Structures are given as C-alpha cells and as structure tokens.
Amino acid sequence: MNVSVGLIEGQAGVEVELTGTYADTSGKSYGPGRHRFTSEVTLTPSDLASCAFALEDVTIGIGFHWERKERQVFRGTFRLIKRESGLTVINDVPLEEYVTSVISSEMSASCPLELLKAHAVISRSWLWFPKANPARAASGQRQAHDPHEILRWYGREAHPDFDVCADDHCQRYQGITKAFSPAAAEAVRATAGEFLRYNGMICDARFSKCCGGITERYATAWEDADIPYLESISDSAAQSHSYTPEAWIRSSPPAYCHTNDSELLSRVLPGFDQETQDFYRWQVAYTPEELADLINKRLGVALGPIRDLQALARGPSGRIYRLKVTGERDYIIIGKELEIRRALSRTHLYSSAFVVDTEPDRFVLRGAGWGHGVGLCQIGAAVMANEGKTYTEILQHYYRGTTVGS
C-alpha cells in the first residue's frame, strides 16, 4: 500500500534535486541534479531504495512556536499537481516507509526501541482510522447560545488531493531527512501490519508531546464524544490523585513525563523540540493591552484592554475548553482548547491547561503540558520505555482496554 503525502502547496514553480534516475509518465528520463517544474509532472524512481529527491525550504511546525524551514529529502514518487492556488508537491511512498519516517520525525530515531514500536503502531492506526470512519475527519463549530461565544475545534480535515499532510496538522513526516537508526527500522519491522484496536476496531490513536501529568479526554479538544480508550488517566504508576485541576497545575507532582533527564531528552526529542525545555510546567505574561491586541488580531474581536480571564469549563487534566475573556468594551467566550491556545498567543500556547494570576499591569498564565494531552504522551512514553516497559505495556497504559493486533 502507498500513502500520498502533501509536502508543499501553492507554489508557482518547484525546484527539486534528484539523486538517481527518475522517469515521467511519457518515459522521459531525468538524471541526478536540479530540475525545475512549472506544470504537472509525475517522476517515478528507477530504484526505490537508492533514489531520492530533495526540496529546499520546506516549512515545518506551521503556526507553532517551533516553525522554521528545512531542506528535506524523500524516497518514493515525486508528483506535482496544479490547483487554483498553484502547484502542490506530493510524495507517494510505501506505508511502512512512511511509518518509519513518522516515528523518526515525531520524536527521534535514537529513541528507545519500545517507544519506537509503540509509535509505529499508533502512527499506522491514526493513518488508517479515517478510512473506516470518514465522518470523523472534519473540523467543527457548534452553534453557541451566546452570540459572544466562539466554539471551534480542529479535527482531521480530509485533504482532497492526498491522504495526509507532512506537518503537525496530521503527523510529522520529514522523509529521510532525520537520520534513520537501526532501531527505527527494527521497530517498523517488528510491528509490521500491527494496529491498535478497541473491540476489534482500529483506534483513532491520538498523541501529544507532554500531557503535563494527566492525559485529557477526547471531548475537551474535539467534538462532544466519549471515546472509551481516549479518557483521562494519570501519567504515573499510581492511578489516583487528590488535586483539583488548578492545584495540579500550580504543583509539580511526579509523573512519567515529569523528567529533567537531559541525556534521555536529547535522545528522544528532535533538535528543534529540544529548544522547549519548560514542557511540564511553564508560564507567560501579558499586559492587558497585549492580550487585547492578540485577541483582536487572532479572532477579529475588539474588546479593549483586558480586565479578566475566567475558566468556565476544564477537562480532567485542567485544560480549559471554555474561557471567558472580559475587556473594557465587551466580552467573549472562547473554546475549545486549540482555539484558546491560538487566541492567547502569537503562535500557540503550549496548552490550555493554565491558571491566571492577576498582577499589577499584567496577567501571568501558569500552565502545564505541551499539546492537547489526549492519548499517548510522547515524553511520558519515552520515560516508560527507558524504564524497561514494553511497547504493549506503554500502549495499554495510555489507551485503556485496547489490544494490539494485525
């Protein structure tokens, strides 16, 4: 099975550097070196293992605090299609090659083997799930009773021209740019054809970078649906705690993802993710005017200088999914978690699990975790693997009641 991955969109022309020989659909051959295209073309490699193509300035982390451009190298077919916005670059690649790249891009190819195995299973499952559940692909907006309320979530929008995109919107896929280790290839071989299942059905295996000590339930981030294997759990061996969400965020309790092991983090996080050291507990501060400007730019709502931030609804991990923002002129209620993270940052807040302290002339947001927190916690899973847990133990910890099966 091949996976079609969208790499870049909206280009007037595309320059690609070929390693090895490729041929287009008419049989014309293209040798090693740089080639520029301004119209549709499909280039098939003469040998999948030895041929590759490189693209300059591929944007990764679009809209997030780690956004940047990279040179990336890919195996498989290079395809250009023309749309109204310009040319789209698509990479058609075998499924298991795709999974090998994802587990080396989402985390690092030098991760412990059992984490790579666990990630191979969930990345394969996440990709396959919409094929059986197409109605679950869309983003949404629920009509709120209050005209001051914005309630949006960002789901798995179907890409009309390819199966998945290459960035964090879907799963990170950076070709063979990130050095493949023997462990990454072994993880994919060892789990080939394996999927995460619940009652026999392939799971919607969500994951995020750091849950902050407690994972979140599905409905906090997306539509109001209870998914048994995407419920909130404690990210520790002990499965109970007595904290309120606010007290939990203000404290720094033990958890698998609460680690300062610099050697482990250097092995499991890609280089640009290592720039984010405060993933377990973090804080940002804004003046009332800065917050007003952010909300106006992000949501198009002019509230005037902000006077109050009030959490109206939180999930089990403390992530806010309804936030009331009151300014001098008006108020707005924002949800769900990603919309809150977008509204209160020039990129995205690390998470919506935060408490607000009002200090003279500023608001201090003290937060927990990195990402939506639903499903597998990547840093927590890395620590579990480092402590000797198997990939099936890791998966059963984060996705309760599931099994792994071909």
Protein backbone atom coordinates (compact mmCIF):
# COMPACT_ATOMS: atom_id res chain seq x y z
CA MET A 1 0.00 0.00 0.00
CA ASN A 2 1.21 3.51 -0.84
CA VAL A 3 0.50 6.67 1.15
CA SER A 4 0.21 10.02 -0.63
CA VAL A 5 1.71 12.82 1.48
CA GLY A 6 1.27 16.53 0.72
CA LEU A 7 4.61 18.28 1.21
CA ILE A 8 4.18 21.86 -0.10
CA GLU A 9 1.22 23.74 -1.61
CA GLY A 10 0.63 26.98 -3.52
CA GLN A 11 3.89 27.12 -5.49
CA ALA A 12 4.39 28.92 -8.83
CA GLY A 13 7.30 26.62 -9.61
CA VAL A 14 9.17 23.87 -7.82
CA GLU A 15 12.88 23.07 -7.92
CA VAL A 16 13.80 19.53 -6.97
CA GLU A 17 17.21 17.90 -6.66
CA LEU A 18 17.28 14.28 -7.78
CA THR A 19 19.63 11.57 -6.58
CA GLY A 20 19.43 8.68 -9.01
CA THR A 21 17.35 8.40 -12.17
CA TYR A 22 13.62 9.13 -12.45
CA ALA A 23 11.19 8.86 -15.36
CA ASP A 24 7.94 10.70 -16.08
CA THR A 25 4.73 9.10 -17.38
CA SER A 26 5.86 9.53 -21.00
CA GLY A 27 9.07 7.63 -20.33
CA LYS A 28 11.34 10.70 -20.38
CA SER A 29 14.33 10.21 -18.09
CA TYR A 30 15.59 12.73 -15.52
CA GLY A 31 19.10 12.20 -14.19
CA PRO A 32 20.76 13.33 -10.97
CA GLY A 33 20.86 17.07 -10.37
CA ARG A 34 18.48 20.01 -10.08
CA HIS A 35 15.32 20.29 -12.16
CA ARG A 36 12.64 22.99 -12.14
CA PHE A 37 8.99 22.38 -12.98
CA THR A 38 6.15 24.83 -13.51
CA SER A 39 3.47 22.34 -14.57
CA GLU A 40 2.12 18.96 -13.54
CA VAL A 41 4.52 16.03 -13.61
CA THR A 42 4.97 12.60 -12.01
CA LEU A 43 8.51 11.27 -11.54
CA THR A 44 8.95 7.62 -10.62
CA PRO A 45 12.32 6.41 -9.26
CA SER A 46 14.20 3.72 -11.15
CA ASP A 47 15.09 2.15 -7.79
CA LEU A 48 13.14 2.88 -4.62
CA ALA A 49 16.00 2.15 -2.23
CA SER A 50 18.75 4.22 -3.87
CA CYS A 51 16.84 7.11 -5.47
CA ALA A 52 15.76 10.21 -3.55
CA PHE A 53 14.63 13.78 -4.15
CA ALA A 54 15.36 16.88 -2.10
CA LEU A 55 13.34 20.07 -1.55
CA GLU A 56 14.64 23.32 -0.09
CA ASP A 57 12.78 25.50 2.41
CA VAL A 58 10.08 23.05 3.48
CA THR A 59 8.13 24.74 6.29
CA ILE A 60 7.62 22.65 9.43
CA GLY A 61 5.65 23.43 12.61
CA ILE A 62 3.32 25.72 10.68
CA GLY A 63 1.79 28.25 13.09
CA PHE A 64 3.55 26.85 16.17
CA HIS A 65 6.43 28.27 18.18
CA TRP A 66 8.98 25.96 16.50
CA GLU A 67 8.04 26.95 12.92
CA ARG A 68 11.03 27.05 10.57
CA LYS A 69 12.21 25.99 7.11
CA GLU A 70 14.32 22.91 6.38
CA ARG A 71 15.89 21.12 3.46
CA GLN A 72 14.28 17.68 3.36
CA VAL A 73 14.97 14.51 1.39
CA PHE A 74 12.36 11.92 0.38
CA ARG A 75 12.14 8.49 -1.21
CA GLY A 76 9.33 7.32 -3.48
CA THR A 77 7.46 9.09 -6.26
CA PHE A 78 7.62 12.87 -6.75
CA ARG A 79 4.32 14.25 -8.03
CA LEU A 80 3.21 17.79 -8.91
CA ILE A 81 -0.44 18.68 -9.38
CA LYS A 82 -1.81 22.09 -10.34
CA ARG A 83 -4.61 23.74 -8.39
CA GLU A 84 -6.01 27.28 -8.34
CA SER A 85 -3.57 28.28 -5.60
CA GLY A 86 -0.58 26.90 -7.52
CA LEU A 87 1.42 23.69 -7.59
CA THR A 88 1.19 21.05 -4.86
CA VAL A 89 4.10 18.68 -4.19
CA ILE A 90 3.02 15.15 -3.29
CA ASN A 91 5.18 12.20 -2.25
CA ASP A 92 3.77 8.72 -2.90
CA VAL A 93 5.57 6.33 -0.58
CA PRO A 94 5.02 2.76 0.73
CA LEU A 95 3.11 2.61 4.05
CA GLU A 96 5.90 1.11 6.14
CA GLU A 97 8.45 3.59 4.75
CA TYR A 98 6.01 6.36 5.69
CA VAL A 99 5.70 4.99 9.25
CA THR A 100 9.49 4.74 9.58
CA SER A 101 9.79 8.42 8.69
CA VAL A 102 6.97 9.48 11.01
CA ILE A 103 8.44 7.82 14.09
CA SER A 104 11.82 9.40 13.26
CA SER A 105 10.21 12.85 12.75
CA GLU A 106 7.63 12.99 15.55
CA MET A 107 10.28 12.02 18.06
CA SER A 108 13.80 10.89 17.18
CA ALA A 109 15.27 7.81 15.54
CA SER A 110 17.51 7.43 18.62
CA CYS A 111 14.54 6.82 20.95
CA PRO A 112 14.36 3.61 22.98
CA LEU A 113 13.21 0.74 20.77
CA GLU A 114 9.98 0.08 22.70
CA LEU A 115 8.85 3.69 22.30
CA LEU A 116 9.53 3.50 18.56
CA LYS A 117 7.48 0.30 18.38
CA ALA A 118 4.59 1.92 20.27
CA HIS A 119 4.74 4.96 17.98
CA ALA A 120 4.82 2.78 14.88
CA VAL A 121 1.59 1.09 15.97
CA ILE A 122 -0.28 4.32 16.76
CA SER A 123 1.01 6.20 13.70
CA ARG A 124 -0.16 3.35 11.48
CA SER A 125 -3.51 3.23 13.30
CA TRP A 126 -4.01 7.01 13.16
CA LEU A 127 -3.43 6.94 9.41
CA TRP A 128 -5.82 4.06 8.80
CA PHE A 129 -8.67 5.11 11.10
CA PRO A 130 -10.41 7.63 8.75
CA LYS A 131 -10.72 5.01 6.01
CA ALA A 132 -13.24 3.21 8.19
CA ASN A 133 -14.68 6.36 9.81
CA PRO A 134 -14.84 9.16 7.18
CA ALA A 135 -17.44 11.17 9.15
CA ARG A 136 -14.90 11.78 11.91
CA ALA A 137 -12.48 13.65 9.64
CA ALA A 138 -13.91 17.16 9.71
CA SER A 139 -13.30 20.16 11.92
CA GLY A 140 -16.33 21.70 13.50
CA GLN A 141 -18.06 24.65 15.05
CA ARG A 142 -21.03 24.21 17.33
CA GLN A 143 -23.64 26.97 17.40
CA ALA A 144 -23.44 28.63 20.80
CA HIS A 145 -26.46 30.09 22.58
CA ASP A 146 -24.49 33.22 23.46
CA PRO A 147 -23.65 35.39 20.41
CA HIS A 148 -20.45 36.33 22.23
CA GLU A 149 -19.22 32.72 22.15
CA ILE A 150 -16.81 31.15 19.65
CA LEU A 151 -16.70 27.36 19.93
CA ARG A 152 -14.44 25.68 17.37
CA TRP A 153 -12.35 22.56 17.14
CA TYR A 154 -9.83 21.46 14.58
CA GLY A 155 -10.17 17.85 13.54
CA ARG A 156 -8.76 15.73 10.79
CA GLU A 157 -9.86 17.69 7.77
CA ALA A 158 -9.82 15.48 4.71
CA HIS A 159 -7.16 16.55 2.22
CA PRO A 160 -8.79 16.31 -1.21
CA ASP A 161 -5.54 15.72 -3.13
CA PHE A 162 -3.58 13.46 -0.79
CA ASP A 163 -4.03 11.17 2.22
CA VAL A 164 -2.14 13.23 4.81
CA CYS A 165 -0.03 16.37 5.01
CA ALA A 166 3.55 16.23 6.24
CA ASP A 167 3.27 18.62 9.21
CA ASP A 168 1.88 18.62 12.76
CA HIS A 169 -1.67 19.08 11.45
CA CYS A 170 -1.51 15.36 10.57
CA GLN A 171 1.73 13.61 11.58
CA ARG A 172 5.24 14.91 11.14
CA TYR A 173 6.72 13.32 8.03
CA GLN A 174 10.16 14.63 7.11
CA GLY A 175 11.22 11.95 4.65
CA ILE A 176 14.67 10.52 5.22
CA THR A 177 15.96 13.88 6.43
CA LYS A 178 16.08 12.76 10.05
CA ALA A 179 18.79 10.12 10.38
CA PHE A 180 17.18 6.69 10.46
CA SER A 181 18.66 4.45 13.13
CA PRO A 182 18.68 0.66 13.06
CA ALA A 183 16.19 0.89 15.94
CA ALA A 184 13.64 2.85 13.85
CA ALA A 185 13.80 0.32 11.03
CA GLU A 186 13.62 -2.56 13.52
CA ALA A 187 10.58 -1.01 15.27
CA VAL A 188 8.67 -0.90 11.99
CA ARG A 189 9.73 -4.42 11.01
CA ALA A 190 8.81 -5.81 14.43
CA THR A 191 5.33 -4.24 14.35
CA ALA A 192 4.63 -4.57 10.61
CA GLY A 193 0.89 -4.68 10.00
CA GLU A 194 0.02 -4.15 13.68
CA PHE A 195 -2.76 -1.75 14.68
CA LEU A 196 -4.19 -0.53 17.98
CA ARG A 197 -7.70 -1.96 18.35
CA TYR A 198 -10.68 -1.50 20.66
CA ASN A 199 -13.42 -4.12 20.44
CA GLY A 200 -11.75 -5.28 17.25
CA MET A 201 -11.90 -1.86 15.54
CA ILE A 202 -8.82 0.19 14.62
CA CYS A 203 -8.39 3.09 17.04
CA ASP A 204 -8.17 6.82 16.48
CA ALA A 205 -4.79 6.82 18.22
CA ARG A 206 -4.24 10.47 19.20
CA PHE A 207 -1.00 11.59 20.83
CA SER A 208 0.71 14.77 22.04
CA LYS A 209 4.13 15.83 23.26
CA CYS A 210 3.55 16.14 27.04
CA CYS A 211 0.28 15.68 28.92
CA GLY A 212 1.54 17.52 31.99
CA GLY A 213 0.95 14.56 34.31
CA ILE A 214 -2.69 13.75 33.47
CA THR A 215 -3.97 12.94 29.99
CA GLU A 216 -7.07 14.66 28.66
CA ARG A 217 -10.36 13.25 27.37
CA TYR A 218 -11.22 13.45 23.68
CA ALA A 219 -14.22 15.80 24.03
CA THR A 220 -12.13 18.62 25.54
CA ALA A 221 -10.29 19.05 22.26
CA TRP A 222 -12.79 17.89 19.64
CA GLU A 223 -16.49 17.15 19.25
CA ASP A 224 -18.60 16.12 22.25
CA ALA A 225 -18.00 12.38 22.02
CA ASP A 226 -16.95 9.85 24.62
CA ILE A 227 -14.28 7.52 23.27
CA PRO A 228 -13.51 4.85 25.88
CA TYR A 229 -9.83 4.49 25.02
CA LEU A 230 -9.31 8.29 24.93
CA GLU A 231 -10.33 9.03 28.50
CA SER A 232 -8.21 10.81 31.10
CA ILE A 233 -5.62 8.80 33.04
CA SER A 234 -2.82 9.65 35.44
CA ASP A 235 0.56 9.53 33.71
CA SER A 236 2.20 7.63 36.52
CA ALA A 237 2.27 4.18 38.06
CA ALA A 238 -0.12 5.44 40.75
CA GLN A 239 -3.53 5.96 39.17
CA SER A 240 -5.12 8.27 41.71
CA HIS A 241 -4.50 11.81 42.88
CA SER A 242 -6.36 14.25 45.14
CA TYR A 243 -5.54 17.52 43.38
CA THR A 244 -8.09 19.87 41.91
CA PRO A 245 -7.15 20.83 38.32
CA GLU A 246 -5.98 24.27 39.44
CA ALA A 247 -3.92 22.87 42.32
CA TRP A 248 -2.45 20.26 39.98
CA ILE A 249 -1.24 22.94 37.56
CA ARG A 250 0.29 25.01 40.38
CA SER A 251 2.17 22.00 41.73
CA SER A 252 4.85 19.88 40.07
CA PRO A 253 3.94 16.31 41.04
CA PRO A 254 5.79 13.21 39.82
CA ALA A 255 4.72 11.68 36.52
CA TYR A 256 6.34 9.75 33.70
CA CYS A 257 6.53 12.93 31.62
CA HIS A 258 7.99 14.94 34.51
CA THR A 259 11.63 14.40 33.66
CA ASN A 260 14.74 16.53 33.66
CA ASP A 261 16.90 13.72 32.27
CA SER A 262 18.84 15.76 29.72
CA GLU A 263 20.52 12.67 28.25
CA LEU A 264 17.18 10.98 27.62
CA LEU A 265 15.57 14.15 26.24
CA SER A 266 18.50 14.64 23.86
CA ARG A 267 17.87 11.11 22.54
CA VAL A 268 14.09 11.29 22.20
CA LEU A 269 13.37 14.85 21.03
CA PRO A 270 14.27 16.22 17.60
CA GLY A 271 16.74 19.08 17.75
CA PHE A 272 14.16 21.85 17.37
CA ASP A 273 11.94 20.30 20.08
CA GLN A 274 14.88 20.35 22.49
CA GLU A 275 14.61 24.15 22.46
CA THR A 276 11.41 23.72 24.52
CA GLN A 277 12.66 22.77 28.00
CA ASP A 278 9.68 24.01 30.06
CA PHE A 279 7.21 21.49 28.65
CA TYR A 280 5.99 20.15 32.02
CA ARG A 281 5.31 23.48 33.73
CA TRP A 282 5.56 26.88 32.02
CA GLN A 283 4.43 30.49 32.28
CA VAL A 284 3.85 33.51 30.05
CA ALA A 285 2.82 37.06 30.94
CA TYR A 286 0.83 39.72 29.06
CA THR A 287 -0.25 43.26 29.75
CA PRO A 288 -3.99 43.96 29.33
CA GLU A 289 -3.22 45.83 26.12
CA GLU A 290 -1.10 42.98 24.71
CA LEU A 291 -3.90 40.50 25.33
CA ALA A 292 -6.44 42.80 23.69
CA ASP A 293 -4.21 43.16 20.65
CA LEU A 294 -3.71 39.39 20.39
CA ILE A 295 -7.43 38.64 20.55
CA ASN A 296 -8.21 41.35 18.03
CA LYS A 297 -5.62 40.02 15.58
CA ARG A 298 -6.41 36.33 16.10
CA LEU A 299 -10.21 36.47 16.37
CA GLY A 300 -11.12 39.87 14.91
CA VAL A 301 -12.81 40.96 18.15
CA ALA A 302 -12.07 44.38 19.71
CA LEU A 303 -12.63 44.02 23.47
CA GLY A 304 -10.46 46.90 24.67
CA PRO A 305 -7.81 46.34 27.37
CA ILE A 306 -8.49 43.00 29.07
CA ARG A 307 -9.84 43.07 32.61
CA ASP A 308 -10.41 39.40 33.40
CA LEU A 309 -9.77 35.83 32.21
CA GLN A 310 -12.14 33.24 33.66
CA ALA A 311 -12.10 29.48 33.07
CA LEU A 312 -15.73 28.38 32.64
CA ALA A 313 -15.02 24.71 31.91
CA ARG A 314 -11.99 22.48 32.35
CA GLY A 315 -11.20 18.91 31.42
CA PRO A 316 -9.73 16.39 33.89
CA SER A 317 -6.14 17.48 33.16
CA GLY A 318 -7.01 21.12 33.83
CA ARG A 319 -7.19 22.04 30.16
CA ILE A 320 -9.70 24.83 29.64
CA TYR A 321 -12.25 24.32 26.88
CA ARG A 322 -14.45 27.37 27.63
CA LEU A 323 -12.68 30.60 28.56
CA LYS A 324 -14.39 33.94 29.22
CA VAL A 325 -12.29 36.98 28.31
CA THR A 326 -13.63 40.31 29.55
CA GLY A 327 -12.37 43.65 28.26
CA GLU A 328 -13.27 47.27 28.89
CA ARG A 329 -15.75 47.28 25.99
CA ASP A 330 -17.12 43.75 25.78
CA TYR A 331 -16.50 40.06 26.49
CA ILE A 332 -16.07 36.86 24.51
CA ILE A 333 -16.20 33.18 25.39
CA ILE A 334 -13.64 31.04 23.53
CA GLY A 335 -13.47 27.27 23.01
CA LYS A 336 -12.29 24.59 22.51
CA GLU A 337 -8.72 24.03 23.67
CA LEU A 338 -6.84 24.76 20.46
CA GLU A 339 -8.88 27.90 19.75
CA ILE A 340 -7.94 29.15 23.24
CA ARG A 341 -4.27 28.39 22.56
CA ARG A 342 -4.46 30.25 19.24
CA ALA A 343 -6.23 33.29 20.69
CA LEU A 344 -3.79 33.88 23.55
CA SER A 345 -0.52 33.64 21.66
CA ARG A 346 1.19 34.89 18.51
CA THR A 347 1.74 31.21 17.69
CA HIS A 348 0.03 28.79 20.10
CA LEU A 349 0.20 28.46 23.88
CA TYR A 350 1.86 25.21 24.90
CA SER A 351 -1.52 24.00 26.19
CA SER A 352 -4.83 25.29 27.54
CA ALA A 353 -4.07 23.84 30.99
CA PHE A 354 -3.30 27.07 32.79
CA VAL A 355 -4.30 29.21 35.74
CA VAL A 356 -4.30 33.00 35.69
CA ASP A 357 -2.70 35.26 38.28
CA THR A 358 -3.56 38.95 38.05
CA GLU A 359 -0.58 41.09 38.97
CA PRO A 360 -0.15 44.87 38.68
CA ASP A 361 -0.39 45.74 34.99
CA ARG A 362 -0.16 42.14 33.76
CA PHE A 363 -1.73 38.70 33.64
CA VAL A 364 0.53 35.71 34.35
CA LEU A 365 -0.55 32.39 32.83
CA ARG A 366 0.98 29.42 34.64
CA GLY A 367 0.50 26.25 32.65
CA ALA A 368 1.07 22.52 32.38
CA GLY A 369 1.95 20.29 29.45
CA TRP A 370 2.58 20.71 25.74
CA GLY A 371 -0.22 19.88 23.33
CA HIS A 372 -3.82 18.71 23.65
CA GLY A 373 -2.88 15.91 26.07
CA VAL A 374 -5.20 13.27 24.56
CA GLY A 375 -3.95 9.69 24.16
CA LEU A 376 -0.27 8.83 24.28
CA CYS A 377 2.08 11.31 25.97
CA GLN A 378 5.26 11.11 23.89
CA ILE A 379 7.67 12.20 26.62
CA GLY A 380 5.92 10.03 29.20
CA ALA A 381 6.07 7.04 26.86
CA ALA A 382 9.79 7.68 26.31
CA VAL A 383 10.40 7.55 30.04
CA MET A 384 8.34 4.35 30.35
CA ALA A 385 10.40 2.73 27.58
CA ASN A 386 13.61 3.90 29.23
CA GLU A 387 12.45 2.22 32.45
CA GLY A 388 12.02 -1.11 30.66
CA LYS A 389 8.30 -1.12 29.77
CA THR A 390 7.37 -2.95 26.58
CA TYR A 391 5.51 -1.26 23.74
CA THR A 392 2.31 -3.16 24.54
CA GLU A 393 2.55 -2.07 28.20
CA ILE A 394 3.01 1.54 27.06
CA LEU A 395 0.00 1.35 24.74
CA GLN A 396 -2.22 -0.28 27.35
CA HIS A 397 -1.24 2.44 29.84
CA TYR A 398 -2.35 5.29 27.57
CA TYR A 399 -5.21 3.58 25.72
CA ARG A 400 -7.13 1.59 28.33
CA GLY A 401 -8.95 -1.53 27.12
CA THR A 402 -7.13 -1.73 23.79
CA THR A 403 -5.17 -4.55 22.22
CA VAL A 404 -2.52 -4.71 19.51
CA GLY A 405 -3.36 -6.92 16.57
CA SER A 406 -2.55 -7.46 12.91
